[in-house]
Amino acid sequence: MKRGPARFEYYLGKLEALMQEAARDHNPALYLYKNDARTPLFMLEALARIYRDLHNTKKFNKLKDQFKQLEDGLGQVDYYDSYANNFLKHPMVPVHIREYMQGQAREKIQHFNELLQEGKWLDKKSFLKLRKTLNEAEWLQPKEELKGIKEVYDESITKTVDFIKESGGSFTEMENQVHEFRRNIRWLSIYAQALRGCIQITDSGESEQAVKEYLQPEIVNSKFNIMPDADDNNWFLLLEKNYFYALSWMINELGIIKDEGLQYFAVAEALQQTAGFSKEDALVKSFEVFGVQKATYDQLLEKASTIVQKFMEQQCLENLVLGLARTEKSKS
């Protein structure tokens, strides 16, 4: 039995239900943002990213672009809304900067409403078209599909390792290096959830000591590190459990560093737009707003560099994928 269509349908159904509910709301974009439509969009984008490398590349690239456009739109809302809320709690951030963030969040919500209208996402017919596209795809049998999924993981890991080599192991940019590295490794985690049970984690019995520093209770017990049930899948891609936890720890830690580092650029943007600062002067002023020196930002980059260097030296990515496995009597 070919599994691909059911994986898409699971998240399409969730997104469709949210869209139908949003259509009845006076502000559909805000409804979707508050009700976490970003998660099924992430999962659908992840599936499209995987399957474009397996078959029907043109179809799945088009689907990926559609889901990504919506996910990016909600991501923009989240960026400004999150900083708007964070800055409300920060007494040193001037009112005009807080108001700028709030205004940008509202503007991005309006832009997302426009995307919904342009793409006719609130119309049930749009989902009929998506399903028609998926029904026309040339789906693979489970064994061949899992071989392809393993290749996706292997190639993603190779590209990420090369990315670090090209940076020289020392980050100098928060967005283009720290955030980009985090994006790359986060897909490895998202894929495992999106594929609905055909990826499982298992303990090789040799890794716990090597990565014990990453095995924190909040990581090991995180709901994001519990794989979906195997259900009726009969072919699996096995990931090494403790290296997967190490991956999760790194995603979480870099997220904290990234959010703190990018807040200075968010304030700098606000200063440029509301107070007429140049780009360079605005960034300098942003550190003053928080009462810190630029060295604080440099230390964040240094911390990110240090933990990533160690993570790479431990070959956490190279040791992540164990290989394929199957249940008894499964041959295809």
Protein backbone atom coordinates (compact mmCIF):
# COMPACT_ATOMS: atom_id res chain seq x y z
CA MET A 1 0.00 0.00 0.00
CA LYS A 2 1.34 3.43 -0.98
CA ARG A 3 1.54 5.71 2.06
CA GLY A 4 2.31 9.14 0.61
CA PRO A 5 -1.25 10.35 -0.09
CA ALA A 6 -2.42 9.63 3.47
CA ARG A 7 0.43 11.67 4.93
CA PHE A 8 -0.58 14.72 2.94
CA GLU A 9 -4.26 14.16 3.64
CA TYR A 10 -3.72 14.13 7.40
CA TYR A 11 -2.36 17.68 7.39
CA LEU A 12 -4.50 18.91 4.50
CA GLY A 13 -7.54 17.95 6.54
CA LYS A 14 -6.28 19.94 9.51
CA LEU A 15 -5.50 22.98 7.36
CA GLU A 16 -8.81 22.77 5.52
CA ALA A 17 -10.75 22.67 8.79
CA LEU A 18 -8.89 25.75 10.03
CA MET A 19 -9.53 27.57 6.76
CA GLN A 20 -13.25 26.83 6.92
CA GLU A 21 -13.42 28.09 10.49
CA ALA A 22 -11.37 31.17 9.56
CA ALA A 23 -13.74 31.93 6.70
CA ARG A 24 -16.48 32.50 9.27
CA ASP A 25 -14.34 34.90 11.29
CA HIS A 26 -14.23 38.66 10.66
CA ASN A 27 -10.41 38.46 10.53
CA PRO A 28 -9.40 35.11 8.97
CA ALA A 29 -5.65 35.79 9.14
CA LEU A 30 -5.75 36.59 12.83
CA TYR A 31 -7.85 33.49 13.48
CA LEU A 32 -5.34 31.29 11.65
CA TYR A 33 -2.43 32.86 13.49
CA LYS A 34 -4.01 32.40 16.90
CA ASN A 35 -5.05 28.82 16.11
CA ASP A 36 -1.62 27.65 14.97
CA ALA A 37 -2.25 27.13 11.27
CA ARG A 38 1.49 27.45 10.92
CA THR A 39 2.06 23.90 12.19
CA PRO A 40 0.10 22.02 9.48
CA LEU A 41 1.65 24.38 6.92
CA PHE A 42 5.13 23.48 8.16
CA MET A 43 4.25 19.79 7.89
CA LEU A 44 2.83 20.13 4.39
CA GLU A 45 5.85 22.12 3.26
CA ALA A 46 8.10 19.45 4.77
CA LEU A 47 6.29 16.68 2.89
CA ALA A 48 6.50 18.62 -0.36
CA ARG A 49 10.23 19.21 0.19
CA ILE A 50 10.75 15.47 0.66
CA TYR A 51 8.61 14.21 -2.19
CA ARG A 52 9.98 16.66 -4.77
CA ASP A 53 13.24 14.71 -4.46
CA LEU A 54 11.46 11.36 -4.85
CA HIS A 55 9.20 11.90 -7.87
CA ASN A 56 7.04 14.46 -9.70
CA THR A 57 9.49 17.24 -8.88
CA LYS A 58 7.55 19.96 -10.69
CA LYS A 59 4.27 19.14 -8.93
CA PHE A 60 5.78 19.03 -5.47
CA ASN A 61 7.89 22.14 -5.97
CA LYS A 62 4.70 24.01 -6.84
CA LEU A 63 2.97 22.64 -3.75
CA LYS A 64 5.98 23.53 -1.61
CA ASP A 65 5.89 27.11 -2.86
CA GLN A 66 2.18 27.40 -2.07
CA PHE A 67 2.54 26.10 1.47
CA LYS A 68 5.73 28.08 2.06
CA GLN A 69 4.10 31.35 0.98
CA LEU A 70 1.42 30.90 3.63
CA GLU A 71 3.86 29.69 6.28
CA ASP A 72 6.17 32.64 5.60
CA GLY A 73 3.21 35.00 5.88
CA LEU A 74 2.30 33.69 9.31
CA GLY A 75 5.98 33.72 10.22
CA GLN A 76 6.10 37.45 9.54
CA VAL A 77 3.09 38.00 11.78
CA ASP A 78 4.74 35.93 14.50
CA TYR A 79 8.04 37.83 14.20
CA TYR A 80 6.52 41.24 14.87
CA ASP A 81 3.85 40.06 17.28
CA SER A 82 6.36 38.16 19.41
CA TYR A 83 8.71 41.12 19.68
CA ALA A 84 5.78 43.47 20.29
CA ASN A 85 4.74 41.35 23.27
CA ASN A 86 8.31 40.92 24.51
CA PHE A 87 9.00 44.65 24.32
CA LEU A 88 5.85 45.41 26.32
CA LYS A 89 7.53 43.63 29.22
CA HIS A 90 10.81 45.49 28.72
CA PRO A 91 10.74 48.90 30.47
CA MET A 92 13.75 50.21 28.54
CA VAL A 93 12.14 49.88 25.11
CA PRO A 94 10.60 53.23 24.09
CA VAL A 95 6.88 53.43 23.39
CA HIS A 96 7.35 54.36 19.72
CA ILE A 97 9.32 51.14 19.13
CA ARG A 98 6.62 49.04 20.78
CA GLU A 99 3.97 50.80 18.71
CA TYR A 100 5.98 50.19 15.53
CA MET A 101 6.10 46.45 16.26
CA GLN A 102 2.37 46.36 16.98
CA GLY A 103 1.69 48.28 13.79
CA GLN A 104 3.85 45.93 11.74
CA ALA A 105 2.08 42.92 13.21
CA ARG A 106 -1.27 44.39 12.16
CA GLU A 107 0.12 45.17 8.70
CA LYS A 108 1.38 41.60 8.26
CA ILE A 109 -2.01 40.26 9.34
CA GLN A 110 -3.64 42.40 6.68
CA HIS A 111 -1.12 41.18 4.12
CA PHE A 112 -1.91 37.60 5.08
CA ASN A 113 -5.63 38.27 4.59
CA GLU A 114 -4.76 39.45 1.10
CA LEU A 115 -2.78 36.26 0.45
CA LEU A 116 -5.77 34.20 1.53
CA GLN A 117 -8.02 36.09 -0.87
CA GLU A 118 -5.58 35.97 -3.79
CA GLY A 119 -5.01 32.25 -3.37
CA LYS A 120 -8.71 31.56 -2.68
CA TRP A 121 -7.64 29.55 0.35
CA LEU A 122 -10.94 30.13 2.12
CA ASP A 123 -12.77 28.47 -0.77
CA LYS A 124 -13.24 24.70 -0.46
CA LYS A 125 -12.44 24.35 -4.17
CA SER A 126 -8.79 25.20 -3.51
CA PHE A 127 -8.43 22.01 -1.49
CA LEU A 128 -10.11 19.98 -4.22
CA LYS A 129 -7.40 21.23 -6.59
CA LEU A 130 -4.67 20.28 -4.14
CA ARG A 131 -6.09 16.79 -3.77
CA LYS A 132 -6.38 16.43 -7.54
CA THR A 133 -2.69 17.29 -7.88
CA LEU A 134 -1.77 14.73 -5.23
CA ASN A 135 -3.95 12.04 -6.82
CA GLU A 136 -2.10 12.52 -10.10
CA ALA A 137 1.32 11.94 -8.52
CA GLU A 138 3.21 8.73 -9.25
CA TRP A 139 3.55 7.42 -5.72
CA LEU A 140 6.22 4.86 -4.84
CA GLN A 141 5.90 1.59 -2.98
CA PRO A 142 6.98 1.80 0.70
CA LYS A 143 10.42 0.24 0.28
CA GLU A 144 11.44 2.48 -2.62
CA GLU A 145 9.90 5.48 -0.92
CA LEU A 146 11.90 4.93 2.26
CA LYS A 147 15.10 4.55 0.25
CA GLY A 148 14.37 7.95 -1.24
CA ILE A 149 13.58 9.47 2.15
CA LYS A 150 16.90 8.18 3.49
CA GLU A 151 18.65 9.87 0.56
CA VAL A 152 16.88 13.13 1.43
CA TYR A 153 18.23 12.89 4.98
CA ASP A 154 21.72 11.96 3.80
CA GLU A 155 21.88 14.83 1.30
CA SER A 156 20.47 17.34 3.80
CA ILE A 157 23.06 16.32 6.36
CA THR A 158 25.90 16.54 3.82
CA LYS A 159 24.81 20.04 2.76
CA THR A 160 24.56 21.16 6.38
CA VAL A 161 28.02 19.82 7.20
CA ASP A 162 29.38 21.65 4.14
CA PHE A 163 27.60 24.84 5.26
CA ILE A 164 29.50 24.76 8.54
CA LYS A 165 32.79 24.05 6.79
CA GLU A 166 32.24 27.05 4.52
CA SER A 167 31.64 29.30 7.53
CA GLY A 168 34.97 28.23 8.98
CA GLY A 169 33.18 27.08 12.11
CA SER A 170 32.83 30.62 13.41
CA PHE A 171 29.59 32.57 12.99
CA THR A 172 29.66 36.29 12.24
CA GLU A 173 26.00 36.77 11.23
CA MET A 174 22.87 35.91 13.19
CA GLU A 175 20.36 35.70 10.34
CA ASN A 176 22.44 34.27 7.50
CA GLN A 177 24.47 31.83 9.56
CA VAL A 178 23.02 31.00 12.99
CA HIS A 179 19.40 31.17 11.88
CA GLU A 180 20.13 29.46 8.56
CA PHE A 181 21.95 26.56 10.25
CA ARG A 182 19.04 26.19 12.67
CA ARG A 183 16.56 26.15 9.78
CA ASN A 184 18.53 23.41 8.07
CA ILE A 185 18.70 21.10 11.07
CA ARG A 186 15.12 21.84 12.12
CA TRP A 187 13.84 20.30 8.87
CA LEU A 188 15.44 17.01 9.94
CA SER A 189 13.22 17.09 13.03
CA ILE A 190 10.10 18.28 11.21
CA TYR A 191 10.42 15.54 8.58
CA ALA A 192 10.26 12.92 11.32
CA GLN A 193 6.90 14.24 12.51
CA ALA A 194 5.47 15.01 9.07
CA LEU A 195 6.01 11.48 7.74
CA ARG A 196 3.46 10.05 10.18
CA GLY A 197 5.20 7.03 11.65
CA CYS A 198 7.59 5.76 9.00
CA ILE A 199 10.46 7.39 10.88
CA GLN A 200 11.19 5.98 14.31
CA ILE A 201 13.99 6.56 16.80
CA THR A 202 15.91 3.75 18.46
CA ASP A 203 18.83 3.52 20.88
CA SER A 204 21.91 1.99 19.28
CA GLY A 205 23.29 1.31 22.76
CA GLU A 206 26.50 3.17 21.98
CA SER A 207 25.55 6.85 21.98
CA GLU A 208 24.31 7.87 25.42
CA GLN A 209 27.72 8.63 26.91
CA ALA A 210 28.85 10.46 23.78
CA VAL A 211 25.99 12.97 23.90
CA LYS A 212 24.87 12.85 27.54
CA GLU A 213 25.16 16.64 27.92
CA TYR A 214 22.25 17.07 25.50
CA LEU A 215 19.95 14.58 27.21
CA GLN A 216 18.18 17.10 29.41
CA PRO A 217 14.76 16.14 30.85
CA GLU A 218 12.95 18.88 28.92
CA ILE A 219 14.44 17.50 25.70
CA VAL A 220 14.01 13.79 26.35
CA ASN A 221 10.42 14.29 27.52
CA SER A 222 9.42 16.82 24.86
CA LYS A 223 6.28 15.99 22.87
CA PHE A 224 8.21 16.98 19.74
CA ASN A 225 10.56 14.05 20.32
CA ILE A 226 7.84 11.43 20.49
CA MET A 227 7.47 9.88 17.06
CA PRO A 228 3.99 9.34 15.60
CA ASP A 229 2.73 5.77 16.01
CA ALA A 230 3.98 3.29 13.43
CA ASP A 231 0.38 2.27 12.67
CA ASP A 232 0.31 0.17 9.50
CA ASN A 233 3.67 1.33 8.16
CA ASN A 234 5.84 -1.67 7.38
CA TRP A 235 9.03 0.03 6.19
CA PHE A 236 10.86 2.49 8.42
CA LEU A 237 13.80 4.84 8.50
CA LEU A 238 15.50 4.50 11.87
CA LEU A 239 17.19 7.47 13.52
CA GLU A 240 19.53 7.12 16.47
CA LYS A 241 17.55 8.24 19.50
CA ASN A 242 20.22 10.06 21.49
CA TYR A 243 21.61 11.87 18.47
CA PHE A 244 18.04 12.91 17.65
CA TYR A 245 17.77 14.33 21.18
CA ALA A 246 21.07 16.15 20.61
CA LEU A 247 19.59 17.60 17.43
CA SER A 248 16.53 18.75 19.37
CA TRP A 249 18.69 20.36 22.06
CA MET A 250 20.63 22.26 19.42
CA ILE A 251 17.46 23.50 17.69
CA ASN A 252 16.13 24.74 21.02
CA GLU A 253 19.37 26.38 22.15
CA LEU A 254 19.97 28.14 18.85
CA GLY A 255 16.36 29.34 18.89
CA ILE A 256 17.00 31.11 22.19
CA ILE A 257 20.23 32.66 20.89
CA LYS A 258 18.62 33.65 17.59
CA ASP A 259 15.64 35.35 19.22
CA GLU A 260 17.86 37.36 21.55
CA GLY A 261 20.25 38.33 18.78
CA LEU A 262 17.61 39.35 16.26
CA GLN A 263 15.83 41.58 18.77
CA TYR A 264 18.56 44.18 18.22
CA PHE A 265 17.86 44.16 14.49
CA ALA A 266 14.12 44.44 15.14
CA VAL A 267 14.71 47.56 17.25
CA ALA A 268 17.14 48.90 14.65
CA GLU A 269 14.47 48.52 11.97
CA ALA A 270 12.00 50.41 14.15
CA LEU A 271 14.52 53.21 14.73
CA GLN A 272 15.17 53.53 11.01
CA GLN A 273 11.47 53.75 10.23
CA THR A 274 10.34 55.94 13.12
CA ALA A 275 13.33 58.11 14.01
CA GLY A 276 15.23 58.47 10.74
CA PHE A 277 18.38 56.65 11.84
CA SER A 278 20.74 55.22 9.25
CA LYS A 279 21.06 51.43 9.23
CA GLU A 280 24.44 51.50 10.97
CA ASP A 281 23.47 54.11 13.57
CA ALA A 282 20.20 52.33 14.28
CA LEU A 283 22.00 49.10 15.15
CA VAL A 284 24.38 50.93 17.48
CA LYS A 285 21.43 52.69 19.12
CA SER A 286 19.58 49.37 19.54
CA PHE A 287 22.23 48.17 21.98
CA GLU A 288 21.82 51.37 23.98
CA VAL A 289 18.07 50.77 24.15
CA PHE A 290 18.70 47.52 26.00
CA GLY A 291 21.51 48.98 28.06
CA VAL A 292 24.15 46.63 26.68
CA GLN A 293 27.34 46.86 24.66
CA LYS A 294 27.73 45.42 21.17
CA ALA A 295 29.93 42.83 22.86
CA THR A 296 26.74 41.24 24.18
CA TYR A 297 25.67 40.49 20.61
CA ASP A 298 29.16 39.26 19.72
CA GLN A 299 29.03 36.92 22.70
CA LEU A 300 25.81 35.41 21.37
CA LEU A 301 27.54 34.67 18.07
CA GLU A 302 30.50 33.24 19.95
CA LYS A 303 28.24 31.02 22.05
CA ALA A 304 26.44 29.76 18.94
CA SER A 305 29.79 29.06 17.27
CA THR A 306 31.09 27.16 20.29
CA ILE A 307 28.12 24.85 20.75
CA VAL A 308 27.79 24.17 17.02
CA GLN A 309 31.51 23.42 16.69
CA LYS A 310 31.28 20.85 19.47
CA PHE A 311 28.07 19.40 18.02
CA MET A 312 29.79 18.97 14.66
CA GLU A 313 32.97 17.54 16.20
CA GLN A 314 30.80 14.90 17.88
CA GLN A 315 29.39 14.09 14.42
CA CYS A 316 25.85 14.29 15.73
CA LEU A 317 24.45 14.73 12.24
CA GLU A 318 26.56 12.05 10.59
CA ASN A 319 25.51 9.56 13.29
CA LEU A 320 21.82 10.43 13.16
CA VAL A 321 20.62 8.07 10.41
CA LEU A 322 20.91 4.36 11.18
CA GLY A 323 19.21 2.92 8.10
CA LEU A 324 16.09 1.13 6.90
CA ALA A 325 14.13 -1.51 8.74
CA ARG A 326 10.95 -3.43 8.06
CA THR A 327 8.39 -5.51 9.84
CA GLU A 328 8.33 -9.22 9.11
CA LYS A 329 6.68 -10.27 5.84
CA SER A 330 7.19 -6.80 4.35
CA LYS A 331 8.92 -7.05 1.01
CA SER A 332 7.59 -4.17 -1.07
